């Protein structure tokens, strides 16, 4: 009898299910995975090192490019770290806007994850459904920041500007006739808050559609139930956070356990799983989208009733209003100093973490009193999740590797940084 030997294959980085530039070296016994070795670094852009050569504010757009599916949540952690060092308070309206956009971002992230996870496993329709809803939320991003993806909307001390009173409208072109434009502009007649409220009223019905397609689907359950099981003890030992931890039945959510901004003022539930498999993590994300929808509705209601400033009035941190800057010498100097030198952040070190859609995203910053960070270290949730790849895939088939990568919800910008 010939001796059967294991053989090694590369899974990725050109694989469509590798979700970026993941190179997995799989050691296989037939189709069974004996060992999985993740190789990272193919996207490394040196974000943490670049931050040392930029002013504190100039590094905000770099945060968007880390996890490029959860842009504003990355900015949030970074701005919170700066605010802790400066010891400044964000105006309450600015806090509500931040919480609202954090939850918009959570829905954006989970829509992409569920759509592409289903696509990896073979359900083509899901990604078309989820991208339809992502378009609406991307329009909300664009309305406040001018960018659909890399928003750079949060600033130390608040947010860049208040919410717009009107939504951008579609116009008749050779691609869209008058009737099409009329139907597209139907829910864009009011302010951004009206647009988001309309979305929130429609969204639960869309989530029901996703569940109709997937939750009791026999093939989906065969591919996810009992796959990539993680016990609560393992999840904690491996440094899991977010849906990867809660899917194993551990009730840990920074929005509840260590509330920041106004999360203690809004009402929502934290879903947890029972068995810690791919299916439970999927169900957690579905329910998280429903809860995010609840939070956004509460924020809309509060923001309608309470006008006010959205960024600090400390002109050493945030620029003065343009009309003041153009009519007053002192404000002009503040404006000039702020945009040439940047903020001078006091000596100290700080850690700020947020409940990012993928888990705990943290920023550890050291300041030496200059206008640039002395050191920035980013705590990316995907990095900890990917490092458990070997333990999670061992004994599974090659096809299950794809399901496990999908359930981890990895984005390589934050893993490689």
Protein backbone atom coordinates (compact mmCIF):
# COMPACT_ATOMS: atom_id res chain seq x y z
CA UNK A 1 0.00 0.00 0.00
CA UNK A 2 1.27 3.48 -0.89
CA UNK A 3 1.67 5.79 2.09
CA UNK A 4 -0.80 8.67 2.02
CA UNK A 5 0.87 12.01 2.63
CA UNK A 6 -0.67 15.34 3.49
CA UNK A 7 -0.35 18.02 0.88
CA UNK A 8 -0.23 21.79 1.19
CA UNK A 9 -2.18 24.33 -0.86
CA UNK A 10 -2.43 28.11 -0.95
CA UNK A 11 -5.93 29.44 -0.35
CA UNK A 12 -5.75 33.01 -1.66
CA UNK A 13 -4.68 35.76 -1.91
CA UNK A 14 -6.38 35.65 -5.34
CA UNK A 15 -9.34 33.66 -4.03
CA UNK A 16 -12.70 35.52 -4.30
CA UNK A 17 -13.74 34.22 -0.84
CA UNK A 18 -10.53 35.34 0.89
CA UNK A 19 -12.14 38.77 1.53
CA UNK A 20 -9.10 40.78 0.65
CA UNK A 21 -5.50 39.73 0.52
CA UNK A 22 -5.58 36.78 2.92
CA UNK A 23 -3.14 34.01 2.08
CA UNK A 24 -4.01 30.80 3.93
CA UNK A 25 -1.56 27.94 3.71
CA UNK A 26 -3.71 24.85 4.24
CA UNK A 27 -2.29 21.46 5.10
CA UNK A 28 -4.82 18.91 3.89
CA UNK A 29 -5.48 15.23 4.41
CA UNK A 30 -7.71 14.66 1.40
CA UNK A 31 -10.31 17.42 1.86
CA UNK A 32 -9.91 17.65 5.62
CA UNK A 33 -7.92 20.58 7.01
CA UNK A 34 -5.10 19.46 9.33
CA UNK A 35 -3.58 22.92 9.74
CA UNK A 36 -4.31 26.46 8.57
CA UNK A 37 -1.58 29.09 8.61
CA UNK A 38 -2.77 32.65 7.83
CA UNK A 39 -0.15 34.83 6.11
CA UNK A 40 -0.84 38.55 6.37
CA UNK A 41 0.99 41.73 5.42
CA UNK A 42 0.17 41.94 1.72
CA UNK A 43 -1.86 45.15 2.32
CA UNK A 44 0.41 46.69 4.97
CA UNK A 45 0.40 50.50 4.62
CA UNK A 46 2.08 51.49 7.88
CA UNK A 47 -0.89 53.50 9.21
CA UNK A 48 0.41 53.55 12.79
CA UNK A 49 3.83 54.81 11.66
CA UNK A 50 2.35 57.34 9.21
CA UNK A 51 0.31 58.84 12.06
CA UNK A 52 3.55 59.89 13.78
CA UNK A 53 4.37 62.18 10.84
CA UNK A 54 0.91 63.80 10.56
CA UNK A 55 -0.89 66.20 12.87
CA UNK A 56 -3.59 64.69 15.09
CA UNK A 57 -6.43 65.83 12.80
CA UNK A 58 -4.67 64.81 9.57
CA UNK A 59 -4.75 61.18 10.74
CA UNK A 60 -8.57 61.08 10.95
CA UNK A 61 -8.95 60.09 7.24
CA UNK A 62 -6.41 57.27 7.76
CA UNK A 63 -8.87 55.71 10.22
CA UNK A 64 -11.49 55.39 7.45
CA UNK A 65 -9.04 53.34 5.43
CA UNK A 66 -8.47 50.74 8.14
CA UNK A 67 -11.73 48.83 8.18
CA UNK A 68 -13.15 50.38 5.02
CA UNK A 69 -16.61 48.93 5.75
CA UNK A 70 -16.97 50.59 9.19
CA UNK A 71 -15.47 53.98 8.51
CA UNK A 72 -17.05 56.27 11.10
CA UNK A 73 -16.63 53.76 13.96
CA UNK A 74 -12.85 53.80 13.41
CA UNK A 75 -12.86 57.61 13.46
CA UNK A 76 -14.92 57.53 16.65
CA UNK A 77 -12.33 55.59 18.68
CA UNK A 78 -9.50 57.83 17.43
CA UNK A 79 -11.39 61.06 18.21
CA UNK A 80 -12.35 59.74 21.67
CA UNK A 81 -8.67 59.06 22.43
CA UNK A 82 -7.74 62.66 21.51
CA UNK A 83 -10.67 64.05 23.53
CA UNK A 84 -9.59 62.08 26.61
CA UNK A 85 -6.08 63.52 26.38
CA UNK A 86 -7.41 67.05 25.82
CA UNK A 87 -10.07 66.66 28.54
CA UNK A 88 -12.82 68.20 26.39
CA UNK A 89 -16.54 67.47 26.27
CA UNK A 90 -18.44 66.85 23.05
CA UNK A 91 -21.73 68.83 22.86
CA UNK A 92 -24.74 66.57 23.49
CA UNK A 93 -26.08 67.03 19.94
CA UNK A 94 -22.69 66.00 18.56
CA UNK A 95 -22.82 62.87 20.75
CA UNK A 96 -26.27 61.91 19.42
CA UNK A 97 -25.12 62.41 15.82
CA UNK A 98 -22.09 60.21 16.50
CA UNK A 99 -24.22 57.43 18.04
CA UNK A 100 -26.68 57.62 15.14
CA UNK A 101 -23.91 57.30 12.55
CA UNK A 102 -22.18 54.53 14.53
CA UNK A 103 -25.38 52.52 14.20
CA UNK A 104 -25.81 53.43 10.51
CA UNK A 105 -22.25 52.11 10.11
CA UNK A 106 -23.09 48.91 12.04
CA UNK A 107 -25.97 48.21 9.65
CA UNK A 108 -23.70 48.96 6.65
CA UNK A 109 -21.09 46.53 7.97
CA UNK A 110 -23.51 43.69 8.74
CA UNK A 111 -25.29 44.09 5.39
CA UNK A 112 -22.00 43.61 3.57
CA UNK A 113 -21.02 40.70 5.80
CA UNK A 114 -24.29 38.78 5.47
CA UNK A 115 -24.51 39.44 1.73
CA UNK A 116 -20.95 38.34 0.95
CA UNK A 117 -20.99 35.44 3.44
CA UNK A 118 -24.05 34.05 1.68
CA UNK A 119 -22.39 34.70 -1.68
CA UNK A 120 -19.29 32.73 -0.59
CA UNK A 121 -21.48 29.79 0.40
CA UNK A 122 -23.43 29.95 -2.88
CA UNK A 123 -26.51 32.13 -2.33
CA UNK A 124 -26.27 34.66 -5.17
CA UNK A 125 -29.42 36.69 -4.46
CA UNK A 126 -28.53 37.86 -0.94
CA UNK A 127 -25.75 40.23 -1.97
CA UNK A 128 -28.08 42.00 -4.41
CA UNK A 129 -30.63 42.56 -1.63
CA UNK A 130 -28.14 43.82 0.95
CA UNK A 131 -26.38 46.18 -1.48
CA UNK A 132 -29.75 47.75 -2.32
CA UNK A 133 -30.09 48.89 1.32
CA UNK A 134 -26.42 49.87 1.56
CA UNK A 135 -27.02 52.40 -1.24
CA UNK A 136 -29.52 54.34 0.91
CA UNK A 137 -27.16 54.47 3.88
CA UNK A 138 -24.24 55.45 1.64
CA UNK A 139 -26.38 58.38 0.48
CA UNK A 140 -26.71 59.43 4.15
CA UNK A 141 -22.90 59.27 4.46
CA UNK A 142 -22.56 61.38 1.33
CA UNK A 143 -25.11 63.96 2.53
CA UNK A 144 -23.14 64.74 5.73
CA UNK A 145 -19.56 64.38 4.54
CA UNK A 146 -19.54 64.61 0.74
CA UNK A 147 -17.98 61.12 0.49
CA UNK A 148 -19.72 57.78 0.18
CA UNK A 149 -16.98 55.74 1.80
CA UNK A 150 -14.12 57.59 3.48
CA UNK A 151 -16.18 60.15 5.34
CA UNK A 152 -13.71 61.88 7.73
CA UNK A 153 -16.86 63.30 9.37
CA UNK A 154 -15.93 62.97 13.06
CA UNK A 155 -13.52 65.51 14.50
CA UNK A 156 -11.88 65.86 17.91
CA UNK A 157 -14.58 67.69 19.88
CA UNK A 158 -17.60 66.63 17.82
CA UNK A 159 -18.50 66.28 14.16
CA UNK A 160 -17.51 68.33 11.11
CA UNK A 161 -20.91 69.99 10.59
CA UNK A 162 -24.59 69.70 11.49
CA UNK A 163 -26.99 67.48 9.57
CA UNK A 164 -28.17 68.91 6.21
CA UNK A 165 -31.72 70.27 5.86
CA UNK A 166 -32.19 68.75 2.43
CA UNK A 167 -31.09 65.58 0.68
CA UNK A 168 -29.37 65.66 -2.72
CA UNK A 169 -31.84 64.93 -5.55
CA UNK A 170 -31.54 62.80 -8.66
CA UNK A 171 -31.83 64.76 -11.93
CA UNK A 172 -33.15 63.77 -15.34
CA UNK A 173 -30.38 62.51 -17.63
CA UNK A 174 -29.99 60.25 -20.64
CA UNK A 175 -29.89 57.33 -18.18
CA UNK A 176 -32.92 58.33 -16.08
CA UNK A 177 -36.20 59.70 -17.41
CA UNK A 178 -38.59 62.01 -15.51
CA UNK A 179 -40.73 59.16 -14.10
CA UNK A 180 -37.72 57.25 -12.79
CA UNK A 181 -36.28 60.39 -11.20
CA UNK A 182 -39.63 61.20 -9.57
CA UNK A 183 -39.83 57.77 -7.91
CA UNK A 184 -36.16 57.91 -6.85
CA UNK A 185 -36.65 61.34 -5.24
CA UNK A 186 -39.84 60.41 -3.39
CA UNK A 187 -38.18 59.90 0.01
CA UNK A 188 -35.61 62.69 -0.56
CA UNK A 189 -37.98 65.64 -0.27
CA UNK A 190 -37.11 66.48 3.35
CA UNK A 191 -33.98 66.62 5.51
CA UNK A 192 -31.44 63.89 6.17
CA UNK A 193 -33.38 62.95 9.32
CA UNK A 194 -36.57 62.51 7.25
CA UNK A 195 -34.65 60.33 4.79
CA UNK A 196 -33.20 58.16 7.59
CA UNK A 197 -36.59 57.90 9.30
CA UNK A 198 -38.12 56.67 6.06
CA UNK A 199 -35.31 54.09 5.81
CA UNK A 200 -35.84 52.97 9.43
CA UNK A 201 -39.55 52.42 8.77
CA UNK A 202 -38.77 50.25 5.72
CA UNK A 203 -35.74 48.40 7.06
CA UNK A 204 -37.42 45.79 9.35
CA UNK A 205 -39.32 44.52 6.31
CA UNK A 206 -36.04 44.13 4.42
CA UNK A 207 -34.48 42.18 7.32
CA UNK A 208 -37.52 39.88 7.22
CA UNK A 209 -36.73 39.29 3.53
CA UNK A 210 -33.14 38.31 4.36
CA UNK A 211 -34.40 35.90 7.00
CA UNK A 212 -36.92 34.40 4.56
CA UNK A 213 -34.03 33.72 2.18
CA UNK A 214 -31.53 32.39 4.71
CA UNK A 215 -32.61 31.66 8.29
CA UNK A 216 -34.57 28.43 7.62
CA UNK A 217 -32.90 27.68 4.30
CA UNK A 218 -31.80 24.03 4.36
CA UNK A 219 -28.58 24.60 2.41
CA UNK A 220 -27.59 27.64 4.49
CA UNK A 221 -28.10 25.67 7.71
CA UNK A 222 -26.17 22.67 6.38
CA UNK A 223 -23.24 24.96 5.60
CA UNK A 224 -23.26 26.94 8.90
CA UNK A 225 -24.81 24.88 11.76
CA UNK A 226 -22.08 23.18 13.78
CA UNK A 227 -19.30 24.78 11.71
CA UNK A 228 -16.51 26.72 13.43
CA UNK A 229 -17.85 26.09 16.95
CA UNK A 230 -16.14 28.25 19.58
CA UNK A 231 -16.83 27.69 23.28
CA UNK A 232 -17.19 30.72 25.59
CA UNK A 233 -13.85 29.82 27.25
CA UNK A 234 -12.07 29.63 23.89
CA UNK A 235 -13.63 32.89 22.69
CA UNK A 236 -12.37 34.73 25.78
CA UNK A 237 -8.93 33.08 25.64
CA UNK A 238 -8.48 34.02 21.98
CA UNK A 239 -9.42 37.68 22.57
CA UNK A 240 -12.68 37.58 20.59
CA UNK A 241 -15.01 40.57 20.76
CA UNK A 242 -18.24 41.64 19.06
CA UNK A 243 -20.50 39.05 17.36
CA UNK A 244 -17.66 36.48 17.43
CA UNK A 245 -17.74 36.60 21.26
CA UNK A 246 -21.48 37.12 21.70
CA UNK A 247 -22.22 34.27 19.26
CA UNK A 248 -20.59 31.96 21.84
CA UNK A 249 -23.00 33.15 24.53
CA UNK A 250 -20.78 35.72 26.29
CA UNK A 251 -22.77 38.88 27.04
CA UNK A 252 -20.14 41.57 26.46
CA UNK A 253 -20.88 44.81 24.64
CA UNK A 254 -18.98 48.04 25.37
CA UNK A 255 -22.11 50.08 24.65
CA UNK A 256 -23.70 48.46 27.75
CA UNK A 257 -20.69 47.54 29.93
CA UNK A 258 -18.61 50.71 29.45
CA UNK A 259 -21.07 53.20 27.91
CA UNK A 260 -19.60 56.08 25.91
CA UNK A 261 -21.31 59.11 24.32
CA UNK A 262 -25.09 58.70 24.90
CA UNK A 263 -25.42 54.91 24.70
CA UNK A 264 -26.73 54.92 28.28
CA UNK A 265 -29.59 57.20 27.13
CA UNK A 266 -30.91 54.91 24.37
CA UNK A 267 -32.83 51.67 24.71
CA UNK A 268 -31.60 48.53 22.95
CA UNK A 269 -30.92 44.83 23.58
CA UNK A 270 -27.73 42.84 23.01
CA UNK A 271 -28.33 39.52 21.21
CA UNK A 272 -26.23 36.48 22.20
CA UNK A 273 -25.89 33.00 20.71
CA UNK A 274 -26.01 29.55 22.30
CA UNK A 275 -23.73 27.19 20.43
CA UNK A 276 -21.00 29.50 19.06
CA UNK A 277 -21.20 28.24 15.48
CA UNK A 278 -21.37 30.17 12.18
CA UNK A 279 -25.18 30.05 12.25
CA UNK A 280 -25.41 31.65 15.71
CA UNK A 281 -23.07 34.44 14.69
CA UNK A 282 -25.23 35.07 11.62
CA UNK A 283 -28.36 35.29 13.82
CA UNK A 284 -26.56 37.71 16.18
CA UNK A 285 -25.75 40.03 13.28
CA UNK A 286 -29.31 39.91 11.96
CA UNK A 287 -30.68 40.87 15.38
CA UNK A 288 -28.00 43.55 15.85
CA UNK A 289 -29.24 45.25 12.67
CA UNK A 290 -32.77 45.37 14.13
CA UNK A 291 -31.44 46.83 17.39
CA UNK A 292 -29.34 49.41 15.50
CA UNK A 293 -32.51 50.42 13.67
CA UNK A 294 -34.16 51.03 17.07
CA UNK A 295 -31.24 53.20 18.24
CA UNK A 296 -31.26 55.28 15.01
CA UNK A 297 -35.01 55.96 15.45
CA UNK A 298 -34.45 57.18 19.02
CA UNK A 299 -31.57 59.42 17.89
CA UNK A 300 -33.70 60.90 15.08
CA UNK A 301 -36.48 61.71 17.55
CA UNK A 302 -34.05 63.43 19.95
CA UNK A 303 -32.17 65.35 17.22
CA UNK A 304 -35.43 66.76 15.83
CA UNK A 305 -36.35 68.28 19.19
CA UNK A 306 -32.92 69.53 20.29
CA UNK A 307 -30.93 71.91 18.08
CA UNK A 308 -27.54 73.07 19.27
CA UNK A 309 -23.79 73.04 18.62
CA UNK A 310 -22.26 69.86 17.19
CA UNK A 311 -18.58 70.58 17.92
CA UNK A 312 -16.71 72.11 20.86
CA UNK A 313 -16.33 75.88 21.05
CA UNK A 314 -12.68 75.56 22.14
CA UNK A 315 -10.98 77.23 19.15
CA UNK A 316 -7.65 75.59 19.97
CA UNK A 317 -9.29 72.26 19.06
CA UNK A 318 -12.02 73.08 16.51
CA UNK A 319 -12.09 75.91 13.94
CA UNK A 320 -14.27 78.97 14.67
CA UNK A 321 -17.38 79.55 12.49
CA UNK A 322 -16.48 81.12 9.15
CA UNK A 323 -18.46 84.31 9.71
CA UNK A 324 -16.55 84.90 12.98
CA UNK A 325 -13.25 84.03 11.32
CA UNK A 326 -13.87 86.57 8.54
CA UNK A 327 -14.83 89.41 10.87
CA UNK A 328 -12.58 89.01 13.89
CA UNK A 329 -8.77 88.99 14.05
CA UNK A 330 -8.53 86.64 17.06
CA UNK A 331 -10.68 83.99 15.38
CA UNK A 332 -8.66 84.37 12.15
CA UNK A 333 -5.45 83.65 14.10
CA UNK A 334 -7.07 80.60 15.76
CA UNK A 335 -8.14 79.35 12.32
CA UNK A 336 -4.67 79.90 10.84
CA UNK A 337 -2.83 78.24 13.75
CA UNK A 338 -5.22 75.28 13.78
CA UNK A 339 -4.85 74.51 10.08
CA UNK A 340 -1.10 75.08 9.87
CA UNK A 341 0.12 73.63 13.19
CA UNK A 342 -2.82 71.51 14.32
CA UNK A 343 -3.85 70.72 17.90
CA UNK A 344 -1.22 70.60 20.63
CA UNK A 345 -2.29 67.64 22.75
CA UNK A 346 -1.05 67.51 26.39
CA UNK A 347 1.49 64.91 27.53
CA UNK A 348 0.05 61.52 28.41
CA UNK A 349 -1.10 58.16 27.18
CA UNK A 350 -4.65 56.98 26.64
CA UNK A 351 -6.72 54.06 25.41
CA UNK A 352 -10.16 54.51 23.88
CA UNK A 353 -12.26 51.62 22.65
CA UNK A 354 -15.60 51.50 20.86
CA UNK A 355 -18.04 48.68 20.10
CA UNK A 356 -17.16 48.49 16.43
CA UNK A 357 -19.42 46.27 14.23
CA UNK A 358 -16.69 43.60 14.23
CA UNK A 359 -15.77 43.83 17.91
CA UNK A 360 -13.72 46.12 20.13
CA UNK A 361 -11.73 48.60 18.06
CA UNK A 362 -9.28 50.45 20.26
CA UNK A 363 -6.79 53.27 19.85
CA UNK A 364 -3.83 53.52 22.20
CA UNK A 365 -2.14 56.90 21.83
CA UNK A 366 0.90 58.52 23.44
CA UNK A 367 1.39 62.27 23.27
CA UNK A 368 4.58 64.15 24.11
CA UNK A 369 2.84 67.52 24.00
CA UNK A 370 3.53 68.13 20.31
CA UNK A 371 1.08 68.62 17.46
CA UNK A 372 1.68 65.04 16.25
CA UNK A 373 1.19 61.72 18.10
CA UNK A 374 4.38 60.27 19.61
CA UNK A 375 2.94 56.77 19.10
CA UNK A 376 -0.34 55.25 17.90
CA UNK A 377 -1.25 51.58 18.35
CA UNK A 378 -4.50 50.24 16.94
CA UNK A 379 -6.37 47.31 18.45
CA UNK A 380 -8.15 45.73 15.47
CA UNK A 381 -10.81 43.10 16.27
CA UNK A 382 -10.22 41.20 13.00
CA UNK A 383 -6.58 40.55 13.92
CA UNK A 384 -7.54 38.54 17.03
CA UNK A 385 -10.26 36.68 15.12
CA UNK A 386 -8.00 35.69 12.24
CA UNK A 387 -5.32 34.42 14.62
CA UNK A 388 -7.77 31.70 15.74
CA UNK A 389 -8.13 30.45 12.15
CA UNK A 390 -6.00 27.35 12.75
CA UNK A 391 -7.98 26.16 15.79
CA UNK A 392 -11.36 26.97 14.22
CA UNK A 393 -10.77 25.16 10.90
CA UNK A 394 -8.90 22.07 12.09
CA UNK A 395 -10.88 18.92 11.25
CA UNK A 396 -13.24 20.78 8.90
CA UNK A 397 -13.46 20.41 5.11
CA UNK A 398 -12.05 22.93 2.59
CA UNK A 399 -15.60 24.18 1.88
CA UNK A 400 -16.02 24.98 5.61
CA UNK A 401 -12.90 27.18 5.53
CA UNK A 402 -14.88 29.59 3.31
CA UNK A 403 -17.81 29.58 5.77
CA UNK A 404 -15.44 30.30 8.68
CA UNK A 405 -13.68 33.18 6.89
CA UNK A 406 -17.16 34.62 6.14
CA UNK A 407 -18.31 34.35 9.76
CA UNK A 408 -15.15 36.12 11.01
CA UNK A 409 -16.09 39.19 8.95
CA UNK A 410 -12.46 40.04 8.22
CA UNK A 411 -11.39 43.22 6.46
CA UNK A 412 -7.69 43.41 5.73
CA UNK A 413 -7.20 47.14 6.07
CA UNK A 414 -7.41 46.82 9.87
CA UNK A 415 -5.59 43.46 10.09
CA UNK A 416 -2.54 44.54 8.07
CA UNK A 417 -2.76 48.29 8.88
